């Protein structure tokens, strides 16, 4: 399995967190190395900052933020 790609989506993700990898419908090609890009945006703000003005990513978007919405 490719190391930079999660095998499953964690249960504690915010429903507003977006990443372009969510929109790929192709099968994973193990002969091509992953990009490892970590570019996220908030679905509510359509920016890299959430409604609270803080950066969004798979680590920062958690239940400690007022804008967090569980999956």
C-alpha atoms as a PDB file:
ATOM      1  CA  UNK A   1       0.000   0.000   0.000  1.00  0.00           C
ATOM      2  CA  UNK A   2       1.179   3.514  -0.798  1.00  0.00           C
ATOM      3  CA  UNK A   3       2.377   5.129   2.472  1.00  0.00           C
ATOM      4  CA  UNK A   4       0.985   8.667   2.010  1.00  0.00           C
ATOM      5  CA  UNK A   5      -2.543   7.496   1.221  1.00  0.00           C
ATOM      6  CA  UNK A   6      -4.734   6.530   4.196  1.00  0.00           C
ATOM      7  CA  UNK A   7      -6.296   3.078   4.036  1.00  0.00           C
ATOM      8  CA  UNK A   8      -9.541   4.470   5.490  1.00  0.00           C
ATOM      9  CA  UNK A   9     -11.034   7.783   6.503  1.00  0.00           C
ATOM     10  CA  UNK A  10     -10.791   8.349  10.241  1.00  0.00           C
ATOM     11  CA  UNK A  11     -14.045   8.572  12.176  1.00  0.00           C
ATOM     12  CA  UNK A  12     -13.028  11.879  13.738  1.00  0.00           C
ATOM     13  CA  UNK A  13     -12.806  13.896  10.496  1.00  0.00           C
ATOM     14  CA  UNK A  14     -14.744  17.104  10.074  1.00  0.00           C
ATOM     15  CA  UNK A  15     -17.476  16.829   7.461  1.00  0.00           C
ATOM     16  CA  UNK A  16     -16.391  20.197   6.025  1.00  0.00           C
ATOM     17  CA  UNK A  17     -12.781  19.138   5.371  1.00  0.00           C
ATOM     18  CA  UNK A  18     -11.999  18.707   1.677  1.00  0.00           C
ATOM     19  CA  UNK A  19      -8.977  17.365  -0.217  1.00  0.00           C
ATOM     20  CA  UNK A  20      -8.639  16.850  -3.955  1.00  0.00           C
ATOM     21  CA  UNK A  21      -7.925  13.161  -3.426  1.00  0.00           C
ATOM     22  CA  UNK A  22     -11.591  12.736  -2.479  1.00  0.00           C
ATOM     23  CA  UNK A  23     -12.578  13.472  -6.060  1.00  0.00           C
ATOM     24  CA  UNK A  24     -10.408  10.907  -7.860  1.00  0.00           C
ATOM     25  CA  UNK A  25     -12.349   7.992  -9.238  1.00  0.00           C
ATOM     26  CA  UNK A  26      -9.393   6.082 -10.698  1.00  0.00           C
ATOM     27  CA  UNK A  27      -7.930   2.941  -9.184  1.00  0.00           C
ATOM     28  CA  UNK A  28      -4.646   3.402  -7.346  1.00  0.00           C
ATOM     29  CA  UNK A  29      -1.611   2.757  -9.570  1.00  0.00           C
ATOM     30  CA  UNK A  30       1.116   1.258  -7.379  1.00  0.00           C
ATOM     31  CA  UNK A  31       3.761   1.845 -10.056  1.00  0.00           C
ATOM     32  CA  UNK A  32       3.406   5.640  -9.619  1.00  0.00           C
ATOM     33  CA  UNK A  33       4.635   7.267  -6.425  1.00  0.00           C
ATOM     34  CA  UNK A  34       2.141   9.426  -4.557  1.00  0.00           C
ATOM     35  CA  UNK A  35       2.359  13.198  -4.598  1.00  0.00           C
ATOM     36  CA  UNK A  36       2.063  13.462  -0.827  1.00  0.00           C
ATOM     37  CA  UNK A  37       0.267  16.763  -1.255  1.00  0.00           C
ATOM     38  CA  UNK A  38      -1.514  17.949   1.823  1.00  0.00           C
ATOM     39  CA  UNK A  39      -3.615  20.756   0.367  1.00  0.00           C
ATOM     40  CA  UNK A  40      -6.919  20.982   2.209  1.00  0.00           C
ATOM     41  CA  UNK A  41      -9.778  23.463   2.212  1.00  0.00           C
ATOM     42  CA  UNK A  42     -12.938  24.030   4.201  1.00  0.00           C
ATOM     43  CA  UNK A  43     -16.227  23.340   2.441  1.00  0.00           C
ATOM     44  CA  UNK A  44     -17.927  26.144   4.371  1.00  0.00           C
ATOM     45  CA  UNK A  45     -15.406  28.888   3.586  1.00  0.00           C
ATOM     46  CA  UNK A  46     -13.963  27.479   0.334  1.00  0.00           C
ATOM     47  CA  UNK A  47     -10.524  28.528   1.640  1.00  0.00           C
ATOM     48  CA  UNK A  48      -7.584  27.055   3.504  1.00  0.00           C
ATOM     49  CA  UNK A  49      -8.924  28.798   6.615  1.00  0.00           C
ATOM     50  CA  UNK A  50     -11.990  27.666   8.515  1.00  0.00           C
ATOM     51  CA  UNK A  51     -14.822  29.909   9.784  1.00  0.00           C
ATOM     52  CA  UNK A  52     -12.767  30.459  12.946  1.00  0.00           C
ATOM     53  CA  UNK A  53      -9.832  31.882  10.932  1.00  0.00           C
ATOM     54  CA  UNK A  54      -7.547  28.908  11.643  1.00  0.00           C
ATOM     55  CA  UNK A  55      -5.794  26.696   9.093  1.00  0.00           C
ATOM     56  CA  UNK A  56      -7.641  23.537   8.009  1.00  0.00           C
ATOM     57  CA  UNK A  57      -6.067  20.106   7.597  1.00  0.00           C
ATOM     58  CA  UNK A  58      -6.615  16.527   8.701  1.00  0.00           C
ATOM     59  CA  UNK A  59      -4.940  17.196  12.067  1.00  0.00           C
ATOM     60  CA  UNK A  60      -6.173  20.695  12.948  1.00  0.00           C
ATOM     61  CA  UNK A  61      -9.839  20.116  12.082  1.00  0.00           C
ATOM     62  CA  UNK A  62     -10.949  18.331  15.225  1.00  0.00           C
ATOM     63  CA  UNK A  63     -13.562  18.464  17.967  1.00  0.00           C
ATOM     64  CA  UNK A  64     -11.738  21.269  19.814  1.00  0.00           C
ATOM     65  CA  UNK A  65     -12.885  23.788  17.183  1.00  0.00           C
ATOM     66  CA  UNK A  66     -16.341  25.375  17.336  1.00  0.00           C
ATOM     67  CA  UNK A  67     -16.848  24.912  13.574  1.00  0.00           C
ATOM     68  CA  UNK A  68     -16.126  21.145  13.710  1.00  0.00           C
ATOM     69  CA  UNK A  69     -18.893  18.831  12.472  1.00  0.00           C
ATOM     70  CA  UNK A  70     -18.418  15.087  12.919  1.00  0.00           C
ATOM     71  CA  UNK A  71     -18.844  12.802   9.919  1.00  0.00           C
END
